[in-house]
Amino acid sequence: SLVRFDREQYTWRSESSQLLRTGMLRWGSNLF
């Protein structure tokens, strides 16, 4: 985790796909 934060900060995100389709994401994400 430390090395990735130091070398690849632009990849340090959840990369959410909410913009592509919300649908069951709300229920699925909250329950999970």
Full PDB file with SEQRES, HELIX, SHEET, SSBOND, CRYST1, ORIGX, SCALE, CONECT and MASTER records, all heavy atoms in Angstrom:
SEQRES   1 A   32  SER LEU VAL ARG PHE ASP ARG GLU GLN TYR THR TRP ARG          
SEQRES   2 A   32  SER GLU SER SER GLN LEU LEU ARG THR GLY MET LEU ARG          
SEQRES   3 A   32  TRP GLY SER ASN LEU PHE                                      
HELIX    1 AA1 LEU A    2  ARG A    7  1                                   6    
HELIX    2 AA2 GLN A    9  THR A   11  5                                   3    
HELIX    3 AA3 LEU A   25  LEU A   31  1                                   7    
CRYST1    1.000    1.000    1.000  90.00  90.00  90.00 P 1           1          
ORIGX1      1.000000  0.000000  0.000000        0.00000                         
ORIGX2      0.000000  1.000000  0.000000        0.00000                         
ORIGX3      0.000000  0.000000  1.000000        0.00000                         
SCALE1      1.000000  0.000000  0.000000        0.00000                         
SCALE2      0.000000  1.000000  0.000000        0.00000                         
SCALE3      0.000000  0.000000  1.000000        0.00000                         
ATOM      1  N   SER A   1       0.832  -1.206   0.000  1.00  0.00           N  
ATOM      2  CA  SER A   1       0.000   0.000   0.000  1.00  0.00           C  
ATOM      3  C   SER A   1       0.863   1.250   0.000  1.00  0.00           C  
ATOM      4  O   SER A   1       0.571   2.229  -0.708  1.00  0.00           O  
ATOM      5  CB  SER A   1      -0.917   0.000   1.230  1.00  0.00           C  
ATOM      6  OG  SER A   1      -1.815  -1.090   1.206  1.00  0.00           O  
ATOM      7  N   LEU A   2       1.938   1.227   0.783  1.00  0.00           N  
ATOM      8  CA  LEU A   2       2.828   2.387   0.862  1.00  0.00           C  
ATOM      9  C   LEU A   2       3.516   2.652  -0.477  1.00  0.00           C  
ATOM     10  O   LEU A   2       3.583   3.795  -0.941  1.00  0.00           O  
ATOM     11  CB  LEU A   2       3.873   2.149   1.955  1.00  0.00           C  
ATOM     12  CG  LEU A   2       4.851   3.301   2.218  1.00  0.00           C  
ATOM     13  CD1 LEU A   2       4.097   4.537   2.695  1.00  0.00           C  
ATOM     14  CD2 LEU A   2       5.895   2.887   3.241  1.00  0.00           C  
ATOM     15  N   VAL A   3       4.005   1.588  -1.113  1.00  0.00           N  
ATOM     16  CA  VAL A   3       4.694   1.741  -2.399  1.00  0.00           C  
ATOM     17  C   VAL A   3       3.727   2.225  -3.467  1.00  0.00           C  
ATOM     18  O   VAL A   3       4.055   3.091  -4.286  1.00  0.00           O  
ATOM     19  CB  VAL A   3       5.348   0.405  -2.819  1.00  0.00           C  
ATOM     20  CG1 VAL A   3       5.843   0.480  -4.261  1.00  0.00           C  
ATOM     21  CG2 VAL A   3       6.497   0.060  -1.889  1.00  0.00           C  
ATOM     22  N   ARG A   4       2.513   1.688  -3.468  1.00  0.00           N  
ATOM     23  CA  ARG A   4       1.551   2.118  -4.485  1.00  0.00           C  
ATOM     24  C   ARG A   4       1.173   3.586  -4.296  1.00  0.00           C  
ATOM     25  O   ARG A   4       1.060   4.326  -5.271  1.00  0.00           O  
ATOM     26  CB  ARG A   4       0.301   1.247  -4.426  1.00  0.00           C  
ATOM     27  CG  ARG A   4      -0.731   1.670  -5.483  1.00  0.00           C  
ATOM     28  CD  ARG A   4      -1.829   0.691  -5.666  1.00  0.00           C  
ATOM     29  NE  ARG A   4      -2.802   1.176  -6.623  1.00  0.00           N  
ATOM     30  CZ  ARG A   4      -3.915   0.539  -6.949  1.00  0.00           C  
ATOM     31  NH1 ARG A   4      -4.182  -0.638  -6.408  1.00  0.00           N  
ATOM     32  NH2 ARG A   4      -4.752   1.053  -7.819  1.00  0.00           N  
ATOM     33  N   PHE A   5       1.006   4.006  -3.047  1.00  0.00           N  
ATOM     34  CA  PHE A   5       0.675   5.403  -2.798  1.00  0.00           C  
ATOM     35  C   PHE A   5       1.826   6.307  -3.231  1.00  0.00           C  
ATOM     36  O   PHE A   5       1.614   7.403  -3.753  1.00  0.00           O  
ATOM     37  CB  PHE A   5       0.380   5.631  -1.315  1.00  0.00           C  
ATOM     38  CG  PHE A   5       0.050   7.056  -0.977  1.00  0.00           C  
ATOM     39  CD1 PHE A   5      -1.190   7.583  -1.288  1.00  0.00           C  
ATOM     40  CD2 PHE A   5       0.986   7.870  -0.355  1.00  0.00           C  
ATOM     41  CE1 PHE A   5      -1.502   8.905  -0.991  1.00  0.00           C  
ATOM     42  CE2 PHE A   5       0.689   9.190  -0.055  1.00  0.00           C  
ATOM     43  CZ  PHE A   5      -0.558   9.712  -0.369  1.00  0.00           C  
ATOM     44  N   ASP A   6       3.054   5.838  -3.046  1.00  0.00           N  
ATOM     45  CA  ASP A   6       4.221   6.645  -3.379  1.00  0.00           C  
ATOM     46  C   ASP A   6       4.454   6.718  -4.884  1.00  0.00           C  
ATOM     47  O   ASP A   6       4.841   7.761  -5.408  1.00  0.00           O  
ATOM     48  CB  ASP A   6       5.459   6.051  -2.690  1.00  0.00           C  
ATOM     49  CG  ASP A   6       6.710   6.883  -2.950  1.00  0.00           C  
ATOM     50  OD1 ASP A   6       6.705   8.079  -2.606  1.00  0.00           O  
ATOM     51  OD2 ASP A   6       7.685   6.333  -3.504  1.00  0.00           O  
ATOM     52  N   ARG A   7       4.175   5.640  -5.604  1.00  0.00           N  
ATOM     53  CA  ARG A   7       4.541   5.568  -7.017  1.00  0.00           C  
ATOM     54  C   ARG A   7       3.361   5.688  -7.973  1.00  0.00           C  
ATOM     55  O   ARG A   7       3.545   6.065  -9.129  1.00  0.00           O  
ATOM     56  CB  ARG A   7       5.269   4.249  -7.282  1.00  0.00           C  
ATOM     57  CG  ARG A   7       6.538   4.072  -6.458  1.00  0.00           C  
ATOM     58  CD  ARG A   7       7.297   2.850  -6.868  1.00  0.00           C  
ATOM     59  NE  ARG A   7       7.718   2.915  -8.261  1.00  0.00           N  
ATOM     60  CZ  ARG A   7       8.421   1.962  -8.869  1.00  0.00           C  
ATOM     61  NH1 ARG A   7       8.772   0.876  -8.202  1.00  0.00           N  
ATOM     62  NH2 ARG A   7       8.760   2.095 -10.133  1.00  0.00           N  
ATOM     63  N   GLU A   8       2.144   5.370  -7.525  1.00  0.00           N  
ATOM     64  CA  GLU A   8       0.999   5.359  -8.445  1.00  0.00           C  
ATOM     65  C   GLU A   8      -0.201   6.047  -7.809  1.00  0.00           C  
ATOM     66  O   GLU A   8      -1.273   5.452  -7.666  1.00  0.00           O  
ATOM     67  CB  GLU A   8       0.646   3.919  -8.832  1.00  0.00           C  
ATOM     68  CG  GLU A   8       1.778   3.171  -9.524  1.00  0.00           C  
ATOM     69  CD  GLU A   8       1.381   1.767  -9.912  1.00  0.00           C  
ATOM     70  OE1 GLU A   8       0.168   1.511 -10.099  1.00  0.00           O  
ATOM     71  OE2 GLU A   8       2.255   0.905 -10.010  1.00  0.00           O  
ATOM     72  N   GLN A   9      -0.030   7.293  -7.443  1.00  0.00           N  
ATOM     73  CA  GLN A   9      -1.114   7.996  -6.753  1.00  0.00           C  
ATOM     74  C   GLN A   9      -2.334   8.213  -7.643  1.00  0.00           C  
ATOM     75  O   GLN A   9      -3.453   8.342  -7.146  1.00  0.00           O  
ATOM     76  CB  GLN A   9      -0.606   9.337  -6.232  1.00  0.00           C  
ATOM     77  CG  GLN A   9       0.408   9.208  -5.106  1.00  0.00           C  
ATOM     78  CD  GLN A   9       0.746  10.544  -4.477  1.00  0.00           C  
ATOM     79  OE1 GLN A   9      -0.042  11.489  -4.552  1.00  0.00           O  
ATOM     80  NE2 GLN A   9       1.909  10.642  -3.858  1.00  0.00           N  
ATOM     81  N   TYR A  10      -2.128   8.279  -8.974  1.00  0.00           N  
ATOM     82  CA  TYR A  10      -3.268   8.487  -9.869  1.00  0.00           C  
ATOM     83  C   TYR A  10      -4.183   7.261  -9.931  1.00  0.00           C  
ATOM     84  O   TYR A  10      -5.309   7.344 -10.418  1.00  0.00           O  
ATOM     85  CB  TYR A  10      -2.774   8.842 -11.271  1.00  0.00           C  
ATOM     86  CG  TYR A  10      -2.186  10.228 -11.359  1.00  0.00           C  
ATOM     87  CD1 TYR A  10      -0.819  10.415 -11.520  1.00  0.00           C  
ATOM     88  CD2 TYR A  10      -2.997  11.359 -11.248  1.00  0.00           C  
ATOM     89  CE1 TYR A  10      -0.271  11.691 -11.577  1.00  0.00           C  
ATOM     90  CE2 TYR A  10      -2.464  12.633 -11.309  1.00  0.00           C  
ATOM     91  CZ  TYR A  10      -1.097  12.792 -11.474  1.00  0.00           C  
ATOM     92  OH  TYR A  10      -0.562  14.057 -11.528  1.00  0.00           O  
ATOM     93  N   THR A  11      -3.695   6.107  -9.467  1.00  0.00           N  
ATOM     94  CA  THR A  11      -4.534   4.904  -9.447  1.00  0.00           C  
ATOM     95  C   THR A  11      -5.173   4.699  -8.083  1.00  0.00           C  
ATOM     96  O   THR A  11      -5.851   3.702  -7.870  1.00  0.00           O  
ATOM     97  CB  THR A  11      -3.699   3.658  -9.796  1.00  0.00           C  
ATOM     98  OG1 THR A  11      -2.744   3.393  -8.746  1.00  0.00           O  
ATOM     99  CG2 THR A  11      -2.963   3.848 -11.103  1.00  0.00           C  
ATOM    100  N   TRP A  12      -4.948   5.629  -7.165  1.00  0.00           N  
ATOM    101  CA  TRP A  12      -5.435   5.497  -5.786  1.00  0.00           C  
ATOM    102  C   TRP A  12      -6.875   6.011  -5.717  1.00  0.00           C  
ATOM    103  O   TRP A  12      -7.161   7.094  -5.243  1.00  0.00           O  
ATOM    104  CB  TRP A  12      -4.531   6.298  -4.849  1.00  0.00           C  
ATOM    105  CG  TRP A  12      -4.724   6.008  -3.400  1.00  0.00           C  
ATOM    106  CD1 TRP A  12      -5.684   6.526  -2.581  1.00  0.00           C  
ATOM    107  CD2 TRP A  12      -3.937   5.132  -2.593  1.00  0.00           C  
ATOM    108  NE1 TRP A  12      -5.544   6.036  -1.311  1.00  0.00           N  
ATOM    109  CE2 TRP A  12      -4.473   5.177  -1.286  1.00  0.00           C  
ATOM    110  CE3 TRP A  12      -2.835   4.320  -2.840  1.00  0.00           C  
ATOM    111  CZ2 TRP A  12      -3.928   4.434  -0.241  1.00  0.00           C  
ATOM    112  CZ3 TRP A  12      -2.304   3.586  -1.791  1.00  0.00           C  
ATOM    113  CH2 TRP A  12      -2.838   3.636  -0.516  1.00  0.00           C  
ATOM    114  N   ARG A  13      -7.786   5.221  -6.219  1.00  0.00           N  
ATOM    115  CA  ARG A  13      -9.190   5.617  -6.235  1.00  0.00           C  
ATOM    116  C   ARG A  13     -10.050   4.367  -6.380  1.00  0.00           C  
ATOM    117  O   ARG A  13      -9.584   3.306  -6.744  1.00  0.00           O  
ATOM    118  CB  ARG A  13      -9.469   6.580  -7.383  1.00  0.00           C  
ATOM    119  CG  ARG A  13      -9.148   6.024  -8.765  1.00  0.00           C  
ATOM    120  CD  ARG A  13      -9.297   7.101  -9.832  1.00  0.00           C  
ATOM    121  NE  ARG A  13      -9.142   6.558 -11.177  1.00  0.00           N  
ATOM    122  CZ  ARG A  13      -7.977   6.417 -11.795  1.00  0.00           C  
ATOM    123  NH1 ARG A  13      -6.863   6.769 -11.175  1.00  0.00           N  
ATOM    124  NH2 ARG A  13      -7.915   5.930 -13.020  1.00  0.00           N  
ATOM    125  N   SER A  14     -11.339   4.531  -6.109  1.00  0.00           N  
ATOM    126  CA  SER A  14     -12.256   3.396  -6.191  1.00  0.00           C  
ATOM    127  C   SER A  14     -12.681   3.093  -7.623  1.00  0.00           C  
ATOM    128  O   SER A  14     -13.213   2.026  -7.898  1.00  0.00           O  
ATOM    129  CB  SER A  14     -13.508   3.671  -5.345  1.00  0.00           C  
ATOM    130  OG  SER A  14     -14.223   4.782  -5.872  1.00  0.00           O  
ATOM    131  N   GLU A  15     -12.454   4.041  -8.544  1.00  0.00           N  
ATOM    132  CA  GLU A  15     -12.829   3.873  -9.945  1.00  0.00           C  
ATOM    133  C   GLU A  15     -14.310   3.481 -10.075  1.00  0.00           C  
ATOM    134  O   GLU A  15     -14.661   2.495 -10.704  1.00  0.00           O  
ATOM    135  CB  GLU A  15     -11.936   2.831 -10.616  1.00  0.00           C  
ATOM    136  CG  GLU A  15     -10.465   3.195 -10.590  1.00  0.00           C  
ATOM    137  CD  GLU A  15      -9.588   2.155 -11.251  1.00  0.00           C  
ATOM    138  OE1 GLU A  15     -10.133   1.245 -11.914  1.00  0.00           O  
ATOM    139  OE2 GLU A  15      -8.370   2.232 -11.107  1.00  0.00           O  
ATOM    140  N   SER A  16     -15.144   4.277  -9.450  1.00  0.00           N  
ATOM    141  CA  SER A  16     -16.575   3.987  -9.445  1.00  0.00           C  
ATOM    142  C   SER A  16     -17.153   3.979 -10.853  1.00  0.00           C  
ATOM    143  O   SER A  16     -16.786   4.784 -11.702  1.00  0.00           O  
ATOM    144  CB  SER A  16     -17.312   5.030  -8.596  1.00  0.00           C  
ATOM    145  OG  SER A  16     -18.701   4.849  -8.667  1.00  0.00           O  
ATOM    146  N   SER A  17     -18.089   3.061 -11.079  1.00  0.00           N  
ATOM    147  CA  SER A  17     -18.770   2.965 -12.375  1.00  0.00           C  
ATOM    148  C   SER A  17     -20.187   3.532 -12.301  1.00  0.00           C  
ATOM    149  O   SER A  17     -21.034   3.214 -13.121  1.00  0.00           O  
ATOM    150  CB  SER A  17     -18.826   1.495 -12.823  1.00  0.00           C  
ATOM    151  OG  SER A  17     -19.481   0.705 -11.842  1.00  0.00           O  
ATOM    152  N   GLN A  18     -20.425   4.398 -11.316  1.00  0.00           N  
ATOM    153  CA  GLN A  18     -21.759   4.950 -11.115  1.00  0.00           C  
ATOM    154  C   GLN A  18     -22.231   5.750 -12.326  1.00  0.00           C  
ATOM    155  O   GLN A  18     -23.418   5.750 -12.660  1.00  0.00           O  
ATOM    156  CB  GLN A  18     -21.772   5.834  -9.870  1.00  0.00           C  
ATOM    157  CG  GLN A  18     -23.155   6.394  -9.532  1.00  0.00           C  
ATOM    158  CD  GLN A  18     -23.143   7.172  -8.235  1.00  0.00           C  
ATOM    159  OE1 GLN A  18     -22.108   7.296  -7.593  1.00  0.00           O  
ATOM    160  NE2 GLN A  18     -24.289   7.693  -7.843  1.00  0.00           N  
ATOM    161  N   LEU A  19     -21.310   6.436 -12.994  1.00  0.00           N  
ATOM    162  CA  LEU A  19     -21.697   7.244 -14.152  1.00  0.00           C  
ATOM    163  C   LEU A  19     -22.171   6.374 -15.311  1.00  0.00           C  
ATOM    164  O   LEU A  19     -22.955   6.814 -16.152  1.00  0.00           O  
ATOM    165  CB  LEU A  19     -20.521   8.105 -14.606  1.00  0.00           C  
ATOM    166  CG  LEU A  19     -20.115   9.240 -13.656  1.00  0.00           C  
ATOM    167  CD1 LEU A  19     -18.887   9.961 -14.199  1.00  0.00           C  
ATOM    168  CD2 LEU A  19     -21.261  10.223 -13.460  1.00  0.00           C  
ATOM    169  N   LEU A  20     -21.688   5.122 -15.349  1.00  0.00           N  
ATOM    170  CA  LEU A  20     -22.089   4.234 -16.439  1.00  0.00           C  
ATOM    171  C   LEU A  20     -23.490   3.667 -16.218  1.00  0.00           C  
ATOM    172  O   LEU A  20     -24.247   3.507 -17.160  1.00  0.00           O  
ATOM    173  CB  LEU A  20     -21.078   3.084 -16.570  1.00  0.00           C  
ATOM    174  CG  LEU A  20     -19.642   3.491 -16.910  1.00  0.00           C  
ATOM    175  CD1 LEU A  20     -18.755   2.275 -16.975  1.00  0.00           C  
ATOM    176  CD2 LEU A  20     -19.604   4.244 -18.245  1.00  0.00           C  
ATOM    177  N   ARG A  21     -23.779   3.359 -14.962  1.00  0.00           N  
ATOM    178  CA  ARG A  21     -25.107   2.819 -14.666  1.00  0.00           C  
ATOM    179  C   ARG A  21     -25.323   2.824 -13.167  1.00  0.00           C  
ATOM    180  O   ARG A  21     -24.534   2.256 -12.425  1.00  0.00           O  
ATOM    181  CB  ARG A  21     -25.226   1.390 -15.199  1.00  0.00           C  
ATOM    182  CG  ARG A  21     -26.560   0.716 -14.874  1.00  0.00           C  
ATOM    183  CD  ARG A  21     -26.549  -0.739 -15.305  1.00  0.00           C  
ATOM    184  NE  ARG A  21     -27.727  -1.448 -14.873  1.00  0.00           N  
ATOM    185  CZ  ARG A  21     -27.879  -2.762 -14.962  1.00  0.00           C  
ATOM    186  NH1 ARG A  21     -26.922  -3.505 -15.478  1.00  0.00           N  
ATOM    187  NH2 ARG A  21     -28.980  -3.353 -14.532  1.00  0.00           N  
ATOM    188  N   THR A  22     -26.383   3.478 -12.733  1.00  0.00           N  
ATOM    189  CA  THR A  22     -26.673   3.534 -11.301  1.00  0.00           C  
ATOM    190  C   THR A  22     -27.434   2.282 -10.878  1.00  0.00           C  
ATOM    191  O   THR A  22     -26.918   1.469 -10.128  1.00  0.00           O  
ATOM    192  CB  THR A  22     -27.488   4.798 -10.956  1.00  0.00           C  
ATOM    193  OG1 THR A  22     -26.759   5.946 -11.370  1.00  0.00           O  
ATOM    194  CG2 THR A  22     -27.735   4.869  -9.461  1.00  0.00           C  
ATOM    195  N   GLY A  23     -28.634   2.121 -11.375  1.00  0.00           N  
ATOM    196  CA  GLY A  23     -29.424   0.917 -11.162  1.00  0.00           C  
ATOM    197  C   GLY A  23     -29.260   0.279  -9.798  1.00  0.00           C  
ATOM    198  O   GLY A  23     -29.516   0.879  -8.756  1.00  0.00           O  
ATOM    199  N   MET A  24     -28.789  -0.997  -9.820  1.00  0.00           N  
ATOM    200  CA  MET A  24     -28.653  -1.762  -8.594  1.00  0.00           C  
ATOM    201  C   MET A  24     -27.404  -1.391  -7.799  1.00  0.00           C  
ATOM    202  O   MET A  24     -27.157  -1.976  -6.744  1.00  0.00           O  
ATOM    203  CB  MET A  24     -28.635  -3.264  -8.908  1.00  0.00           C  
ATOM    204  CG  MET A  24     -27.475  -3.711  -9.785  1.00  0.00           C  
ATOM    205  SD  MET A  24     -27.529  -5.505 -10.153  1.00  0.00           S  
ATOM    206  CE  MET A  24     -28.922  -5.579 -11.283  1.00  0.00           C  
ATOM    207  N   LEU A  25     -26.625  -0.424  -8.282  1.00  0.00           N  
ATOM    208  CA  LEU A  25     -25.418  -0.032  -7.567  1.00  0.00           C  
ATOM    209  C   LEU A  25     -25.750   0.490  -6.178  1.00  0.00           C  
ATOM    210  O   LEU A  25     -25.048   0.187  -5.218  1.00  0.00           O  
ATOM    211  CB  LEU A  25     -24.657   1.039  -8.359  1.00  0.00           C  
ATOM    212  CG  LEU A  25     -23.418   1.628  -7.655  1.00  0.00           C  
ATOM    213  CD1 LEU A  25     -22.369   0.553  -7.443  1.00  0.00           C  
ATOM    214  CD2 LEU A  25     -22.844   2.782  -8.463  1.00  0.00           C  
ATOM    215  N   ARG A  26     -26.812   1.275  -6.062  1.00  0.00           N  
ATOM    216  CA  ARG A  26     -27.148   1.879  -4.780  1.00  0.00           C  
ATOM    217  C   ARG A  26     -27.410   0.814  -3.724  1.00  0.00           C  
ATOM    218  O   ARG A  26     -26.832   0.827  -2.646  1.00  0.00           O  
ATOM    219  CB  ARG A  26     -28.369   2.794  -4.939  1.00  0.00           C  
ATOM    220  CG  ARG A  26     -28.724   3.565  -3.679  1.00  0.00           C  
ATOM    221  CD  ARG A  26     -29.900   4.504  -3.899  1.00  0.00           C  
ATOM    222  NE  ARG A  26     -29.593   5.548  -4.868  1.00  0.00           N  
ATOM    223  CZ  ARG A  26     -30.060   5.589  -6.111  1.00  0.00           C  
ATOM    224  NH1 ARG A  26     -30.862   4.618  -6.543  1.00  0.00           N  
ATOM    225  NH2 ARG A  26     -29.754   6.561  -6.928  1.00  0.00           N  
ATOM    226  N   TRP A  27     -28.272  -0.134  -4.037  1.00  0.00           N  
ATOM    227  CA  TRP A  27     -28.576  -1.205  -3.087  1.00  0.00           C  
ATOM    228  C   TRP A  27     -27.367  -2.106  -2.876  1.00  0.00           C  
ATOM    229  O   TRP A  27     -27.001  -2.439  -1.751  1.00  0.00           O  
ATOM    230  CB  TRP A  27     -29.766  -2.036  -3.586  1.00  0.00           C  
ATOM    231  CG  TRP A  27     -31.092  -1.416  -3.297  1.00  0.00           C  
ATOM    232  CD1 TRP A  27     -31.893  -0.740  -4.171  1.00  0.00           C  
ATOM    233  CD2 TRP A  27     -31.762  -1.384  -2.037  1.00  0.00           C  
ATOM    234  NE1 TRP A  27     -33.033  -0.305  -3.545  1.00  0.00           N  
ATOM    235  CE2 TRP A  27     -32.991  -0.691  -2.238  1.00  0.00           C  
ATOM    236  CE3 TRP A  27     -31.458  -1.878  -0.768  1.00  0.00           C  
ATOM    237  CZ2 TRP A  27     -33.893  -0.477  -1.197  1.00  0.00           C  
ATOM    238  CZ3 TRP A  27     -32.368  -1.669   0.271  1.00  0.00           C  
ATOM    239  CH2 TRP A  27     -33.566  -0.972   0.041  1.00  0.00           C  
ATOM    240  N   GLY A  28     -26.755  -2.515  -3.963  1.00  0.00           N  
ATOM    241  CA  GLY A  28     -25.624  -3.427  -3.854  1.00  0.00           C  
ATOM    242  C   GLY A  28     -24.470  -2.838  -3.081  1.00  0.00           C  
ATOM    243  O   GLY A  28     -23.911  -3.479  -2.187  1.00  0.00           O  
ATOM    244  N   SER A  29     -24.105  -1.605  -3.388  1.00  0.00           N  
ATOM    245  CA  SER A  29     -22.969  -0.965  -2.732  1.00  0.00           C  
ATOM    246  C   SER A  29     -23.236  -0.739  -1.248  1.00  0.00           C  
ATOM    247  O   SER A  29     -22.376  -1.004  -0.402  1.00  0.00           O  
ATOM    248  CB  SER A  29     -22.655   0.371  -3.417  1.00  0.00           C  
ATOM    249  OG  SER A  29     -21.562   0.998  -2.806  1.00  0.00           O  
ATOM    250  N   ASN A  30     -24.431  -0.253  -0.907  1.00  0.00           N  
ATOM    251  CA  ASN A  30     -24.752   0.019   0.492  1.00  0.00           C  
ATOM    252  C   ASN A  30     -24.767  -1.268   1.324  1.00  0.00           C  
ATOM    253  O   ASN A  30     -24.181  -1.321   2.414  1.00  0.00           O  
ATOM    254  CB  ASN A  30     -26.096   0.735   0.610  1.00  0.00           C  
ATOM    255  CG  ASN A  30     -26.022   2.175   0.139  1.00  0.00           C  
ATOM    256  OD1 ASN A  30     -24.961   2.784   0.142  1.00  0.00           O  
ATOM    257  ND2 ASN A  30     -27.150   2.726  -0.287  1.00  0.00           N  
ATOM    258  N   LEU A  31     -25.440  -2.292   0.815  1.00  0.00           N  
ATOM    259  CA  LEU A  31     -25.501  -3.552   1.550  1.00  0.00           C  
ATOM    260  C   LEU A  31     -24.111  -4.166   1.702  1.00  0.00           C  
ATOM    261  O   LEU A  31     -23.740  -4.667   2.773  1.00  0.00           O  
ATOM    262  CB  LEU A  31     -26.433  -4.530   0.837  1.00  0.00           C  
ATOM    263  CG  LEU A  31     -27.928  -4.238   0.933  1.00  0.00           C  
ATOM    264  CD1 LEU A  31     -28.716  -5.177   0.014  1.00  0.00           C  
ATOM    265  CD2 LEU A  31     -28.419  -4.385   2.374  1.00  0.00           C  
ATOM    266  N   PHE A  32     -23.340  -4.126   0.617  1.00  0.00           N  
ATOM    267  CA  PHE A  32     -22.001  -4.714   0.657  1.00  0.00           C  
ATOM    268  C   PHE A  32     -21.104  -3.981   1.645  1.00  0.00           C  
ATOM    269  O   PHE A  32     -20.430  -4.607   2.469  1.00  0.00           O  
ATOM    270  CB  PHE A  32     -21.377  -4.679  -0.735  1.00  0.00           C  
ATOM    271  CG  PHE A  32     -19.925  -5.075  -0.755  1.00  0.00           C  
ATOM    272  CD1 PHE A  32     -19.554  -6.397  -0.557  1.00  0.00           C  
ATOM    273  CD2 PHE A  32     -18.935  -4.118  -0.949  1.00  0.00           C  
ATOM    274  CE1 PHE A  32     -18.218  -6.761  -0.561  1.00  0.00           C  
ATOM    275  CE2 PHE A  32     -17.605  -4.476  -0.966  1.00  0.00           C  
ATOM    276  CZ  PHE A  32     -17.241  -5.802  -0.761  1.00  0.00           C  
TER     277      PHE A  32                                                      
MASTER        0    0    0    3    0    0    0    6  276    1    0    3          
END                                                                             
